Every structure is written in structure tokens, then in C-alpha cells.
Amino acid sequence: MGGLTDYGSLAAAIGNDGAARAVGTALGTNPVAWLIPCHRVIRSIGDTGNYRWGAFHKQCMLAWEASRVEMEGMS
């Protein structure tokens, strides 16, 4: 929770360095985004990019996770 990666790094992790767009397309079809955390994948420039349910929801999910990680670090 709270960790981010970018499309290119995820493509490299699955063994196909040039598949960043394909990774984005595959993530865009994810019907259970909270269970399979595609919201944690962002553009390499740091922008959150598009999201099936809108960029605002993606940013909210990331902010909520970041706050949870911060709160757990304080205990």
C-alpha cells in the first residue's frame, strides 16, 4: 500500500521493455481496481494519468493510501 510504479517500469518487470502502452491498456480494463491496484501505476513524469473512474478518484485513492501509510508509521 502506498507504493507507486510507472507504466514503463511495470512493462520492464514483466520482461517487455517496450510495452508501456500495452500495460496502460490492460490496466484500463481492470474492473476491480481496488482489489488489483492499478491506481498505483502512474506516468514516468509523475503525472497520475488517466483512470477508468477519473483522475480525481485515482488521486483520492493514492492520497488515502499515503495517509494510511503515514499513520501506521507514527504508531
N, C-alpha and C. Protein backbone atom coordinates (compact mmCIF):
# COMPACT_ATOMS: atom_id res chain seq x y z
N MET A 1 0.83 -1.18 0.00
CA MET A 1 0.00 0.00 0.00
C MET A 1 0.88 1.24 0.00
N GLY A 2 0.51 2.19 -0.81
CA GLY A 2 1.23 3.45 -0.86
C GLY A 2 2.40 3.48 -1.82
N GLY A 3 2.77 2.34 -2.40
CA GLY A 3 3.86 2.30 -3.34
C GLY A 3 3.39 2.62 -4.75
N LEU A 4 4.24 3.27 -5.51
CA LEU A 4 3.91 3.62 -6.89
C LEU A 4 4.94 3.05 -7.84
N THR A 5 4.53 2.84 -9.06
CA THR A 5 5.43 2.48 -10.15
C THR A 5 4.92 3.19 -11.39
N ASP A 6 5.70 3.14 -12.46
CA ASP A 6 5.23 3.74 -13.71
C ASP A 6 5.03 2.65 -14.75
N TYR A 7 4.33 3.01 -15.82
CA TYR A 7 3.97 2.03 -16.84
C TYR A 7 5.19 1.35 -17.45
N GLY A 8 6.25 2.12 -17.72
CA GLY A 8 7.46 1.56 -18.31
C GLY A 8 8.15 0.58 -17.38
N SER A 9 8.22 0.91 -16.10
CA SER A 9 8.84 0.01 -15.12
C SER A 9 8.05 -1.28 -14.98
N LEU A 10 6.74 -1.16 -15.02
CA LEU A 10 5.91 -2.36 -14.93
C LEU A 10 6.09 -3.23 -16.17
N ALA A 11 6.18 -2.59 -17.34
CA ALA A 11 6.43 -3.34 -18.57
C ALA A 11 7.78 -4.06 -18.49
N ALA A 12 8.81 -3.37 -17.99
CA ALA A 12 10.13 -4.00 -17.84
C ALA A 12 10.08 -5.16 -16.85
N ALA A 13 9.29 -5.01 -15.80
CA ALA A 13 9.18 -6.06 -14.78
C ALA A 13 8.56 -7.34 -15.34
N ILE A 14 7.73 -7.21 -16.36
CA ILE A 14 7.14 -8.41 -16.96
C ILE A 14 7.95 -8.89 -18.17
N GLY A 15 9.10 -8.26 -18.39
CA GLY A 15 10.01 -8.72 -19.43
C GLY A 15 9.79 -8.14 -20.81
N ASN A 16 9.06 -7.02 -20.92
CA ASN A 16 8.82 -6.41 -22.22
C ASN A 16 8.97 -4.90 -22.10
N ASP A 17 10.22 -4.43 -22.22
CA ASP A 17 10.53 -3.01 -22.01
C ASP A 17 9.70 -2.05 -22.85
N GLY A 18 9.30 -2.46 -24.04
CA GLY A 18 8.58 -1.57 -24.94
C GLY A 18 7.07 -1.63 -24.82
N ALA A 19 6.56 -2.24 -23.77
CA ALA A 19 5.12 -2.47 -23.69
C ALA A 19 4.39 -1.54 -22.73
N ALA A 20 4.92 -0.35 -22.50
CA ALA A 20 4.28 0.57 -21.55
C ALA A 20 2.85 0.89 -21.95
N ARG A 21 2.61 1.11 -23.24
CA ARG A 21 1.24 1.40 -23.70
C ARG A 21 0.33 0.20 -23.51
N ALA A 22 0.83 -0.98 -23.79
CA ALA A 22 0.03 -2.19 -23.61
C ALA A 22 -0.32 -2.38 -22.14
N VAL A 23 0.63 -2.08 -21.26
CA VAL A 23 0.37 -2.15 -19.82
C VAL A 23 -0.75 -1.18 -19.46
N GLY A 24 -0.68 0.04 -19.97
CA GLY A 24 -1.72 1.04 -19.71
C GLY A 24 -3.08 0.59 -20.20
N THR A 25 -3.11 -0.01 -21.38
CA THR A 25 -4.37 -0.51 -21.93
C THR A 25 -4.93 -1.63 -21.07
N ALA A 26 -4.07 -2.54 -20.67
CA ALA A 26 -4.51 -3.66 -19.82
C ALA A 26 -5.03 -3.15 -18.48
N LEU A 27 -4.34 -2.21 -17.89
CA LEU A 27 -4.79 -1.67 -16.61
C LEU A 27 -6.11 -0.92 -16.76
N GLY A 28 -6.29 -0.30 -17.90
CA GLY A 28 -7.53 0.43 -18.16
C GLY A 28 -8.76 -0.44 -18.23
N THR A 29 -8.57 -1.73 -18.43
CA THR A 29 -9.71 -2.65 -18.50
C THR A 29 -9.96 -3.37 -17.17
N ASN A 30 -9.21 -3.03 -16.15
CA ASN A 30 -9.32 -3.67 -14.85
C ASN A 30 -10.67 -3.32 -14.19
N PRO A 31 -11.57 -4.28 -14.03
CA PRO A 31 -12.88 -3.98 -13.46
C PRO A 31 -12.91 -3.94 -11.93
N VAL A 32 -11.85 -4.38 -11.28
CA VAL A 32 -11.79 -4.41 -9.81
C VAL A 32 -10.56 -3.67 -9.32
N ALA A 33 -10.53 -2.38 -9.59
CA ALA A 33 -9.33 -1.58 -9.36
C ALA A 33 -8.86 -1.58 -7.92
N TRP A 34 -9.76 -1.64 -6.97
CA TRP A 34 -9.31 -1.58 -5.58
C TRP A 34 -8.65 -2.90 -5.18
N LEU A 35 -9.12 -4.01 -5.72
CA LEU A 35 -8.54 -5.31 -5.39
C LEU A 35 -7.25 -5.56 -6.15
N ILE A 36 -7.20 -5.13 -7.40
CA ILE A 36 -5.98 -5.20 -8.21
C ILE A 36 -5.55 -3.75 -8.42
N PRO A 37 -4.60 -3.29 -7.64
CA PRO A 37 -4.34 -1.85 -7.50
C PRO A 37 -3.69 -1.16 -8.71
N CYS A 38 -4.44 -1.06 -9.79
CA CYS A 38 -3.90 -0.38 -10.97
C CYS A 38 -3.75 1.12 -10.73
N HIS A 39 -4.41 1.65 -9.70
CA HIS A 39 -4.29 3.08 -9.41
C HIS A 39 -2.88 3.45 -8.93
N ARG A 40 -2.07 2.47 -8.60
CA ARG A 40 -0.71 2.73 -8.13
C ARG A 40 0.30 2.87 -9.27
N VAL A 41 -0.18 2.80 -10.51
CA VAL A 41 0.70 2.95 -11.67
C VAL A 41 0.47 4.35 -12.24
N ILE A 42 1.56 5.10 -12.37
CA ILE A 42 1.49 6.48 -12.85
C ILE A 42 2.42 6.66 -14.03
N ARG A 43 2.34 7.81 -14.66
CA ARG A 43 3.25 8.13 -15.77
C ARG A 43 4.65 8.38 -15.25
N SER A 44 5.64 8.15 -16.07
CA SER A 44 7.04 8.33 -15.65
C SER A 44 7.36 9.77 -15.29
N ILE A 45 6.57 10.73 -15.78
CA ILE A 45 6.81 12.14 -15.45
C ILE A 45 6.19 12.52 -14.11
N GLY A 46 5.53 11.57 -13.45
CA GLY A 46 4.93 11.82 -12.15
C GLY A 46 3.46 12.16 -12.19
N ASP A 47 2.92 12.37 -13.37
CA ASP A 47 1.50 12.66 -13.52
C ASP A 47 0.70 11.39 -13.27
N THR A 48 -0.48 11.52 -12.68
CA THR A 48 -1.27 10.32 -12.39
C THR A 48 -1.85 9.69 -13.64
N GLY A 49 -1.99 10.45 -14.71
CA GLY A 49 -2.51 9.89 -15.95
C GLY A 49 -4.00 9.67 -15.89
N ASN A 50 -4.51 8.93 -16.83
CA ASN A 50 -5.94 8.64 -16.89
C ASN A 50 -6.29 7.50 -15.94
N TYR A 51 -7.56 7.39 -15.67
CA TYR A 51 -8.05 6.34 -14.78
C TYR A 51 -9.48 6.04 -15.18
N ARG A 52 -9.84 4.81 -15.12
CA ARG A 52 -11.17 4.37 -15.56
C ARG A 52 -12.30 5.19 -14.91
N TRP A 53 -12.14 5.53 -13.62
CA TRP A 53 -13.16 6.27 -12.90
C TRP A 53 -12.78 7.73 -12.70
N GLY A 54 -11.83 8.20 -13.48
CA GLY A 54 -11.44 9.61 -13.43
C GLY A 54 -10.19 9.86 -12.61
N ALA A 55 -9.43 10.86 -13.04
CA ALA A 55 -8.17 11.20 -12.38
C ALA A 55 -8.40 11.62 -10.93
N PHE A 56 -9.52 12.29 -10.66
CA PHE A 56 -9.80 12.73 -9.29
C PHE A 56 -9.89 11.54 -8.34
N HIS A 57 -10.58 10.47 -8.76
CA HIS A 57 -10.70 9.29 -7.90
C HIS A 57 -9.35 8.62 -7.70
N LYS A 58 -8.54 8.59 -8.74
CA LYS A 58 -7.20 7.99 -8.63
C LYS A 58 -6.37 8.77 -7.61
N GLN A 59 -6.41 10.08 -7.70
CA GLN A 59 -5.66 10.92 -6.76
C GLN A 59 -6.17 10.75 -5.34
N CYS A 60 -7.48 10.61 -5.17
CA CYS A 60 -8.05 10.40 -3.84
C CYS A 60 -7.60 9.06 -3.26
N MET A 61 -7.61 8.01 -4.07
CA MET A 61 -7.18 6.70 -3.60
C MET A 61 -5.71 6.73 -3.18
N LEU A 62 -4.88 7.38 -3.99
CA LEU A 62 -3.46 7.47 -3.67
C LEU A 62 -3.24 8.28 -2.39
N ALA A 63 -3.99 9.37 -2.23
CA ALA A 63 -3.86 10.20 -1.03
C ALA A 63 -4.31 9.43 0.21
N TRP A 64 -5.41 8.68 0.09
CA TRP A 64 -5.89 7.89 1.22
C TRP A 64 -4.85 6.85 1.63
N GLU A 65 -4.29 6.15 0.65
CA GLU A 65 -3.27 5.15 0.96
C GLU A 65 -2.04 5.79 1.61
N ALA A 66 -1.62 6.93 1.06
CA ALA A 66 -0.44 7.61 1.62
C ALA A 66 -0.71 8.01 3.07
N SER A 67 -1.92 8.47 3.37
CA SER A 67 -2.24 8.86 4.75
C SER A 67 -2.24 7.65 5.67
N ARG A 68 -2.70 6.51 5.19
CA ARG A 68 -2.69 5.28 5.98
C ARG A 68 -1.26 4.84 6.29
N VAL A 69 -0.40 4.90 5.29
CA VAL A 69 1.00 4.52 5.48
C VAL A 69 1.65 5.46 6.49
N GLU A 70 1.37 6.75 6.38
CA GLU A 70 1.94 7.73 7.31
C GLU A 70 1.44 7.48 8.74
N MET A 71 0.15 7.19 8.88
CA MET A 71 -0.42 6.94 10.21
C MET A 71 0.18 5.68 10.83
N GLU A 72 0.39 4.66 10.03
CA GLU A 72 0.97 3.41 10.55
C GLU A 72 2.42 3.64 10.97
N GLY A 73 3.12 4.52 10.29
CA GLY A 73 4.50 4.84 10.65
C GLY A 73 4.62 5.61 11.94
N MET A 74 3.53 6.24 12.34
CA MET A 74 3.53 7.04 13.56
C MET A 74 3.24 6.19 14.80
N SER A 75 2.71 4.99 14.61
CA SER A 75 2.37 4.18 15.76
C SER A 75 3.49 3.27 16.21
